[in-house]
PDB file of N, CA and C in Angstrom:
ATOM      1  N   UNK A   1     -11.973  34.223  21.690  1.00  0.00           N
ATOM      2  CA  UNK A   1     -12.875  33.099  21.824  1.00  0.00           C
ATOM      3  C   UNK A   1     -13.314  32.664  20.427  1.00  0.00           C
ATOM      4  N   UNK A   2     -13.144  31.394  20.115  1.00  0.00           N
ATOM      5  CA  UNK A   2     -13.568  30.869  18.832  1.00  0.00           C
ATOM      6  C   UNK A   2     -14.908  30.176  18.954  1.00  0.00           C
ATOM      7  N   UNK A   3     -15.783  30.517  18.070  1.00  0.00           N
ATOM      8  CA  UNK A   3     -17.103  29.865  18.026  1.00  0.00           C
ATOM      9  C   UNK A   3     -17.200  29.144  16.711  1.00  0.00           C
ATOM     10  N   UNK A   4     -17.548  27.860  16.750  1.00  0.00           N
ATOM     11  CA  UNK A   4     -17.517  27.036  15.551  1.00  0.00           C
ATOM     12  C   UNK A   4     -18.686  27.251  14.619  1.00  0.00           C
ATOM     13  N   UNK A   5     -18.374  27.199  13.309  1.00  0.00           N
ATOM     14  CA  UNK A   5     -19.385  27.182  12.259  1.00  0.00           C
ATOM     15  C   UNK A   5     -20.428  28.278  12.356  1.00  0.00           C
ATOM     16  N   UNK A   6     -21.632  27.898  12.008  1.00  0.00           N
ATOM     17  CA  UNK A   6     -22.728  28.891  12.014  1.00  0.00           C
ATOM     18  C   UNK A   6     -23.416  28.965  13.351  1.00  0.00           C
ATOM     19  N   UNK A   7     -22.917  28.277  14.369  1.00  0.00           N
ATOM     20  CA  UNK A   7     -23.515  28.397  15.706  1.00  0.00           C
ATOM     21  C   UNK A   7     -23.476  29.845  16.144  1.00  0.00           C
ATOM     22  N   UNK A   8     -22.351  30.527  15.812  1.00  0.00           N
ATOM     23  CA  UNK A   8     -22.183  31.932  16.165  1.00  0.00           C
ATOM     24  C   UNK A   8     -23.332  32.763  15.628  1.00  0.00           C
ATOM     25  N   UNK A   9     -23.698  32.568  14.395  1.00  0.00           N
ATOM     26  CA  UNK A   9     -24.731  33.416  13.788  1.00  0.00           C
ATOM     27  C   UNK A   9     -26.093  33.139  14.371  1.00  0.00           C
ATOM     28  N   UNK A  10     -26.327  31.928  14.875  1.00  0.00           N
ATOM     29  CA  UNK A  10     -27.629  31.614  15.472  1.00  0.00           C
ATOM     30  C   UNK A  10     -27.700  32.012  16.927  1.00  0.00           C
ATOM     31  N   UNK A  11     -26.572  31.912  17.638  1.00  0.00           N
ATOM     32  CA  UNK A  11     -26.601  32.142  19.072  1.00  0.00           C
ATOM     33  C   UNK A  11     -26.245  33.588  19.434  1.00  0.00           C
ATOM     34  N   UNK A  12     -25.247  34.147  18.787  1.00  0.00           N
ATOM     35  CA  UNK A  12     -24.767  35.471  19.156  1.00  0.00           C
ATOM     36  C   UNK A  12     -24.699  36.438  17.974  1.00  0.00           C
ATOM     37  N   UNK A  13     -25.749  36.600  17.206  1.00  0.00           N
ATOM     38  CA  UNK A  13     -25.635  37.408  15.978  1.00  0.00           C
ATOM     39  C   UNK A  13     -25.300  38.870  16.245  1.00  0.00           C
ATOM     40  N   UNK A  14     -25.785  39.434  17.350  1.00  0.00           N
ATOM     41  CA  UNK A  14     -25.566  40.853  17.594  1.00  0.00           C
ATOM     42  C   UNK A  14     -24.208  41.145  18.199  1.00  0.00           C
ATOM     43  N   UNK A  15     -23.627  40.175  18.869  1.00  0.00           N
ATOM     44  CA  UNK A  15     -22.359  40.384  19.544  1.00  0.00           C
ATOM     45  C   UNK A  15     -21.171  40.155  18.608  1.00  0.00           C
ATOM     46  N   UNK A  16     -21.325  39.294  17.637  1.00  0.00           N
ATOM     47  CA  UNK A  16     -20.222  38.945  16.731  1.00  0.00           C
ATOM     48  C   UNK A  16     -20.727  39.024  15.277  1.00  0.00           C
ATOM     49  N   UNK A  17     -20.885  40.243  14.728  1.00  0.00           N
ATOM     50  CA  UNK A  17     -21.441  40.376  13.394  1.00  0.00           C
ATOM     51  C   UNK A  17     -20.495  39.918  12.282  1.00  0.00           C
ATOM     52  N   UNK A  18     -19.173  39.850  12.545  1.00  0.00           N
ATOM     53  CA  UNK A  18     -18.213  39.478  11.523  1.00  0.00           C
ATOM     54  C   UNK A  18     -18.126  37.967  11.322  1.00  0.00           C
ATOM     55  N   UNK A  19     -17.302  37.523  10.367  1.00  0.00           N
ATOM     56  CA  UNK A  19     -17.157  36.081  10.127  1.00  0.00           C
ATOM     57  C   UNK A  19     -16.464  35.388  11.304  1.00  0.00           C
ATOM     58  N   UNK A  20     -16.724  34.150  11.450  1.00  0.00           N
ATOM     59  CA  UNK A  20     -16.128  33.343  12.502  1.00  0.00           C
ATOM     60  C   UNK A  20     -14.612  33.299  12.327  1.00  0.00           C
ATOM     61  N   UNK A  21     -13.874  33.486  13.411  1.00  0.00           N
ATOM     62  CA  UNK A  21     -12.402  33.456  13.329  1.00  0.00           C
ATOM     63  C   UNK A  21     -11.866  32.130  12.808  1.00  0.00           C
ATOM     64  N   UNK A  22     -12.494  31.043  13.203  1.00  0.00           N
ATOM     65  CA  UNK A  22     -12.047  29.719  12.783  1.00  0.00           C
ATOM     66  C   UNK A  22     -12.182  29.593  11.270  1.00  0.00           C
ATOM     67  N   UNK A  23     -13.254  30.098  10.709  1.00  0.00           N
ATOM     68  CA  UNK A  23     -13.450  30.027   9.270  1.00  0.00           C
ATOM     69  C   UNK A  23     -12.461  30.909   8.532  1.00  0.00           C
ATOM     70  N   UNK A  24     -12.063  32.046   9.133  1.00  0.00           N
ATOM     71  CA  UNK A  24     -11.136  32.948   8.482  1.00  0.00           C
ATOM     72  C   UNK A  24      -9.777  32.307   8.327  1.00  0.00           C
ATOM     73  N   UNK A  25      -9.340  31.524   9.298  1.00  0.00           N
ATOM     74  CA  UNK A  25      -7.977  31.008   9.303  1.00  0.00           C
ATOM     75  C   UNK A  25      -7.862  29.539   8.897  1.00  0.00           C
ATOM     76  N   UNK A  26      -8.964  28.867   8.687  1.00  0.00           N
ATOM     77  CA  UNK A  26      -8.849  27.477   8.264  1.00  0.00           C
ATOM     78  C   UNK A  26      -8.818  27.431   6.735  1.00  0.00           C
ATOM     79  N   UNK A  27      -8.058  26.479   6.230  1.00  0.00           N
ATOM     80  CA  UNK A  27      -7.931  26.317   4.786  1.00  0.00           C
ATOM     81  C   UNK A  27      -7.968  24.827   4.506  1.00  0.00           C
ATOM     82  N   UNK A  28      -8.749  24.444   3.520  1.00  0.00           N
ATOM     83  CA  UNK A  28      -8.807  23.064   3.126  1.00  0.00           C
ATOM     84  C   UNK A  28      -7.927  22.852   1.895  1.00  0.00           C
ATOM     85  N   UNK A  29      -7.448  21.646   1.745  1.00  0.00           N
ATOM     86  CA  UNK A  29      -6.604  21.284   0.612  1.00  0.00           C
ATOM     87  C   UNK A  29      -7.255  20.138  -0.132  1.00  0.00           C
ATOM     88  N   UNK A  30      -7.335  20.267  -1.469  1.00  0.00           N
ATOM     89  CA  UNK A  30      -7.967  19.254  -2.303  1.00  0.00           C
ATOM     90  C   UNK A  30      -6.985  18.818  -3.362  1.00  0.00           C
ATOM     91  N   UNK A  31      -6.770  17.478  -3.469  1.00  0.00           N
ATOM     92  CA  UNK A  31      -5.873  16.918  -4.473  1.00  0.00           C
ATOM     93  C   UNK A  31      -6.425  15.571  -4.879  1.00  0.00           C
ATOM     94  N   UNK A  32      -6.423  15.267  -6.134  1.00  0.00           N
ATOM     95  CA  UNK A  32      -6.925  13.982  -6.670  1.00  0.00           C
ATOM     96  C   UNK A  32      -8.367  13.730  -6.245  1.00  0.00           C
ATOM     97  N   UNK A  33      -9.164  14.775  -6.136  1.00  0.00           N
ATOM     98  CA  UNK A  33     -10.574  14.612  -5.777  1.00  0.00           C
ATOM     99  C   UNK A  33     -10.851  14.433  -4.296  1.00  0.00           C
ATOM    100  N   UNK A  34      -9.804  14.409  -3.465  1.00  0.00           N
ATOM    101  CA  UNK A  34      -9.990  14.221  -2.051  1.00  0.00           C
ATOM    102  C   UNK A  34      -9.669  15.543  -1.330  1.00  0.00           C
ATOM    103  N   UNK A  35     -10.490  15.876  -0.335  1.00  0.00           N
ATOM    104  CA  UNK A  35     -10.347  17.146   0.376  1.00  0.00           C
ATOM    105  C   UNK A  35      -9.953  16.870   1.836  1.00  0.00           C
ATOM    106  N   UNK A  36      -8.984  17.627   2.333  1.00  0.00           N
ATOM    107  CA  UNK A  36      -8.482  17.448   3.682  1.00  0.00           C
ATOM    108  C   UNK A  36      -8.389  18.807   4.381  1.00  0.00           C
ATOM    109  N   UNK A  37      -8.616  18.839   5.696  1.00  0.00           N
ATOM    110  CA  UNK A  37      -8.568  20.105   6.400  1.00  0.00           C
ATOM    111  C   UNK A  37      -7.168  20.689   6.509  1.00  0.00           C
ATOM    112  N   UNK A  38      -6.135  19.843   6.476  1.00  0.00           N
ATOM    113  CA  UNK A  38      -4.761  20.353   6.560  1.00  0.00           C
ATOM    114  C   UNK A  38      -3.886  19.688   5.527  1.00  0.00           C
ATOM    115  N   UNK A  39      -2.776  20.311   5.223  1.00  0.00           N
ATOM    116  CA  UNK A  39      -1.812  19.751   4.294  1.00  0.00           C
ATOM    117  C   UNK A  39      -1.214  18.473   4.871  1.00  0.00           C
ATOM    118  N   UNK A  40      -0.961  18.469   6.187  1.00  0.00           N
ATOM    119  CA  UNK A  40      -0.386  17.290   6.811  1.00  0.00           C
ATOM    120  C   UNK A  40      -1.300  16.064   6.651  1.00  0.00           C
ATOM    121  N   UNK A  41      -2.600  16.247   6.809  1.00  0.00           N
ATOM    122  CA  UNK A  41      -3.550  15.142   6.652  1.00  0.00           C
ATOM    123  C   UNK A  41      -3.595  14.674   5.195  1.00  0.00           C
ATOM    124  N   UNK A  42      -3.505  15.617   4.258  1.00  0.00           N
ATOM    125  CA  UNK A  42      -3.478  15.240   2.859  1.00  0.00           C
ATOM    126  C   UNK A  42      -2.250  14.385   2.548  1.00  0.00           C
ATOM    127  N   UNK A  43      -1.095  14.817   3.023  1.00  0.00           N
ATOM    128  CA  UNK A  43       0.145  14.079   2.790  1.00  0.00           C
ATOM    129  C   UNK A  43       0.073  12.701   3.422  1.00  0.00           C
ATOM    130  N   UNK A  44      -0.408  12.629   4.650  1.00  0.00           N
ATOM    131  CA  UNK A  44      -0.502  11.356   5.349  1.00  0.00           C
ATOM    132  C   UNK A  44      -1.410  10.366   4.609  1.00  0.00           C
ATOM    133  N   UNK A  45      -2.505  10.865   4.080  1.00  0.00           N
ATOM    134  CA  UNK A  45      -3.480   9.982   3.423  1.00  0.00           C
ATOM    135  C   UNK A  45      -3.084   9.581   2.005  1.00  0.00           C
ATOM    136  N   UNK A  46      -2.537  10.553   1.256  1.00  0.00           N
ATOM    137  CA  UNK A  46      -2.296  10.306  -0.172  1.00  0.00           C
ATOM    138  C   UNK A  46      -0.874   9.882  -0.506  1.00  0.00           C
ATOM    139  N   UNK A  47       0.082  10.123   0.365  1.00  0.00           N
ATOM    140  CA  UNK A  47       1.471   9.797   0.033  1.00  0.00           C
ATOM    141  C   UNK A  47       1.662   8.298  -0.288  1.00  0.00           C
ATOM    142  N   UNK A  48       0.990   7.372   0.379  1.00  0.00           N
ATOM    143  CA  UNK A  48       1.208   5.955   0.006  1.00  0.00           C
ATOM    144  C   UNK A  48       0.960   5.680  -1.480  1.00  0.00           C
ATOM    145  N   UNK A  49       0.084   6.406  -2.111  1.00  0.00           N
ATOM    146  CA  UNK A  49      -0.188   6.203  -3.536  1.00  0.00           C
ATOM    147  C   UNK A  49       0.950   6.730  -4.408  1.00  0.00           C
ATOM    148  N   UNK A  50       1.763   7.624  -3.863  1.00  0.00           N
ATOM    149  CA  UNK A  50       2.860   8.228  -4.615  1.00  0.00           C
ATOM    150  C   UNK A  50       4.226   7.718  -4.141  1.00  0.00           C
ATOM    151  N   UNK A  51       4.254   6.848  -3.148  1.00  0.00           N
ATOM    152  CA  UNK A  51       5.504   6.437  -2.518  1.00  0.00           C
ATOM    153  C   UNK A  51       6.491   5.785  -3.493  1.00  0.00           C
ATOM    154  N   UNK A  52       5.986   5.101  -4.518  1.00  0.00           N
ATOM    155  CA  UNK A  52       6.886   4.469  -5.453  1.00  0.00           C
ATOM    156  C   UNK A  52       7.433   5.464  -6.500  1.00  0.00           C
ATOM    157  N   UNK A  53       6.880   6.671  -6.502  1.00  0.00           N
ATOM    158  CA  UNK A  53       7.283   7.678  -7.500  1.00  0.00           C
ATOM    159  C   UNK A  53       8.170   8.775  -6.936  1.00  0.00           C
ATOM    160  N   UNK A  54       8.037   9.081  -5.630  1.00  0.00           N
ATOM    161  CA  UNK A  54       8.774  10.196  -5.061  1.00  0.00           C
ATOM    162  C   UNK A  54       8.871  10.035  -3.545  1.00  0.00           C
ATOM    163  N   UNK A  55       9.821  10.782  -2.947  1.00  0.00           N
ATOM    164  CA  UNK A  55       9.965  10.757  -1.489  1.00  0.00           C
ATOM    165  C   UNK A  55       8.811  11.537  -0.855  1.00  0.00           C
ATOM    166  N   UNK A  56       8.656  11.380   0.449  1.00  0.00           N
ATOM    167  CA  UNK A  56       7.608  12.092   1.133  1.00  0.00           C
ATOM    168  C   UNK A  56       7.814  13.607   1.077  1.00  0.00           C
ATOM    169  N   UNK A  57       9.071  14.027   1.172  1.00  0.00           N
ATOM    170  CA  UNK A  57       9.371  15.475   1.095  1.00  0.00           C
ATOM    171  C   UNK A  57       9.025  16.005  -0.298  1.00  0.00           C
ATOM    172  N   UNK A  58       9.344  15.237  -1.335  1.00  0.00           N
ATOM    173  CA  UNK A  58       8.997  15.660  -2.692  1.00  0.00           C
ATOM    174  C   UNK A  58       7.490  15.682  -2.885  1.00  0.00           C
ATOM    175  N   UNK A  59       6.789  14.693  -2.300  1.00  0.00           N
ATOM    176  CA  UNK A  59       5.326  14.690  -2.418  1.00  0.00           C
ATOM    177  C   UNK A  59       4.712  15.891  -1.710  1.00  0.00           C
ATOM    178  N   UNK A  60       5.260  16.227  -0.530  1.00  0.00           N
ATOM    179  CA  UNK A  60       4.742  17.375   0.208  1.00  0.00           C
ATOM    180  C   UNK A  60       4.916  18.656  -0.649  1.00  0.00           C
ATOM    181  N   UNK A  61       6.054  18.822  -1.292  1.00  0.00           N
ATOM    182  CA  UNK A  61       6.273  19.966  -2.162  1.00  0.00           C
ATOM    183  C   UNK A  61       5.325  19.944  -3.335  1.00  0.00           C
ATOM    184  N   UNK A  62       5.120  18.761  -3.908  1.00  0.00           N
ATOM    185  CA  UNK A  62       4.167  18.609  -5.027  1.00  0.00           C
ATOM    186  C   UNK A  62       2.735  18.992  -4.568  1.00  0.00           C
ATOM    187  N   UNK A  63       2.363  18.490  -3.387  1.00  0.00           N
ATOM    188  CA  UNK A  63       1.015  18.767  -2.880  1.00  0.00           C
ATOM    189  C   UNK A  63       0.833  20.251  -2.586  1.00  0.00           C
ATOM    190  N   UNK A  64       1.827  20.884  -2.011  1.00  0.00           N
ATOM    191  CA  UNK A  64       1.730  22.330  -1.751  1.00  0.00           C
ATOM    192  C   UNK A  64       1.538  23.116  -3.041  1.00  0.00           C
ATOM    193  N   UNK A  65       2.204  22.657  -4.094  1.00  0.00           N
ATOM    194  CA  UNK A  65       2.137  23.380  -5.366  1.00  0.00           C
ATOM    195  C   UNK A  65       0.854  23.092  -6.157  1.00  0.00           C
ATOM    196  N   UNK A  66       0.360  21.862  -6.101  1.00  0.00           N
ATOM    197  CA  UNK A  66      -0.768  21.452  -6.941  1.00  0.00           C
ATOM    198  C   UNK A  66      -2.131  21.346  -6.279  1.00  0.00           C
ATOM    199  N   UNK A  67      -2.170  21.298  -4.945  1.00  0.00           N
ATOM    200  CA  UNK A  67      -3.459  21.152  -4.270  1.00  0.00           C
ATOM    201  C   UNK A  67      -4.270  22.441  -4.405  1.00  0.00           C
ATOM    202  N   UNK A  68      -5.571  22.279  -4.609  1.00  0.00           N
ATOM    203  CA  UNK A  68      -6.470  23.423  -4.591  1.00  0.00           C
ATOM    204  C   UNK A  68      -6.649  23.852  -3.145  1.00  0.00           C
ATOM    205  N   UNK A  69      -6.554  25.143  -2.897  1.00  0.00           N
ATOM    206  CA  UNK A  69      -6.718  25.648  -1.523  1.00  0.00           C
ATOM    207  C   UNK A  69      -8.042  26.401  -1.459  1.00  0.00           C
ATOM    208  N   UNK A  70      -8.819  26.089  -0.440  1.00  0.00           N
ATOM    209  CA  UNK A  70     -10.093  26.779  -0.286  1.00  0.00           C
ATOM    210  C   UNK A  70     -10.338  27.138   1.160  1.00  0.00           C
TER     211      UNK A  70
END
Protein backbone atom coordinates (compact mmCIF):
# COMPACT_ATOMS: atom_id res chain seq x y z
CA UNK A 1 0.00 0.00 0.00
CA UNK A 2 1.43 3.38 -1.00
CA UNK A 3 0.70 6.40 1.11
CA UNK A 4 1.50 9.76 -0.45
CA UNK A 5 3.87 12.37 0.92
CA UNK A 6 3.89 13.24 4.58
CA UNK A 7 0.28 12.11 5.09
CA UNK A 8 1.77 8.82 6.27
CA UNK A 9 3.73 10.47 9.04
CA UNK A 10 0.72 12.41 10.30
CA UNK A 11 -1.87 9.65 10.02
CA UNK A 12 -0.01 6.40 10.66
CA UNK A 13 3.31 7.22 12.35
CA UNK A 14 3.42 4.10 14.52
CA UNK A 15 2.45 1.64 11.82
CA UNK A 16 4.85 2.83 9.11
CA UNK A 17 7.97 4.26 10.76
CA UNK A 18 10.11 4.01 7.57
CA UNK A 19 10.14 6.36 4.57
CA UNK A 20 7.21 6.39 2.20
CA UNK A 21 7.58 3.83 -0.60
CA UNK A 22 6.56 6.37 -3.22
CA UNK A 23 9.31 8.73 -2.12
CA UNK A 24 11.88 5.92 -2.18
CA UNK A 25 11.23 5.03 -5.81
CA UNK A 26 10.37 8.37 -7.36
CA UNK A 27 13.10 10.38 -8.99
CA UNK A 28 12.89 13.86 -10.42
CA UNK A 29 14.90 15.08 -13.39
CA UNK A 30 16.16 18.65 -13.74
CA UNK A 31 17.61 20.14 -16.93
CA UNK A 32 17.95 23.76 -18.04
CA UNK A 33 16.44 24.93 -14.74
CA UNK A 34 13.22 22.95 -15.24
CA UNK A 35 12.30 20.01 -13.02
CA UNK A 36 10.10 17.09 -14.11
CA UNK A 37 8.89 14.00 -12.24
CA UNK A 38 9.91 11.64 -15.08
CA UNK A 39 12.43 11.57 -17.87
CA UNK A 40 9.59 11.11 -20.38
CA UNK A 41 7.95 14.36 -19.24
CA UNK A 42 11.28 16.18 -19.45
CA UNK A 43 11.84 14.97 -23.01
CA UNK A 44 8.28 15.82 -24.05
CA UNK A 45 8.52 19.36 -22.67
CA UNK A 46 12.08 20.31 -23.60
CA UNK A 47 12.72 18.46 -26.85
CA UNK A 48 11.04 21.14 -29.02
CA UNK A 49 13.80 23.56 -27.97
CA UNK A 50 16.44 21.08 -29.16
CA UNK A 51 14.61 19.73 -32.23
CA UNK A 52 16.69 21.74 -34.70
CA UNK A 53 19.93 20.46 -33.13
CA UNK A 54 19.31 16.72 -32.60
CA UNK A 55 16.83 13.88 -32.99
CA UNK A 56 14.48 12.98 -30.16
CA UNK A 57 16.46 9.79 -29.47
CA UNK A 58 19.69 11.81 -29.26
CA UNK A 59 18.02 14.33 -26.97
CA UNK A 60 16.76 11.55 -24.70
CA UNK A 61 20.32 10.20 -24.44
CA UNK A 62 21.61 13.73 -23.78
CA UNK A 63 18.95 14.29 -21.10
CA UNK A 64 19.71 10.96 -19.39
CA UNK A 65 23.39 11.89 -19.24
CA UNK A 66 23.11 15.58 -18.26
CA UNK A 67 19.93 15.91 -16.19
CA UNK A 68 20.34 16.25 -12.44
CA UNK A 69 18.59 13.36 -10.70
CA UNK A 70 17.07 13.86 -7.29
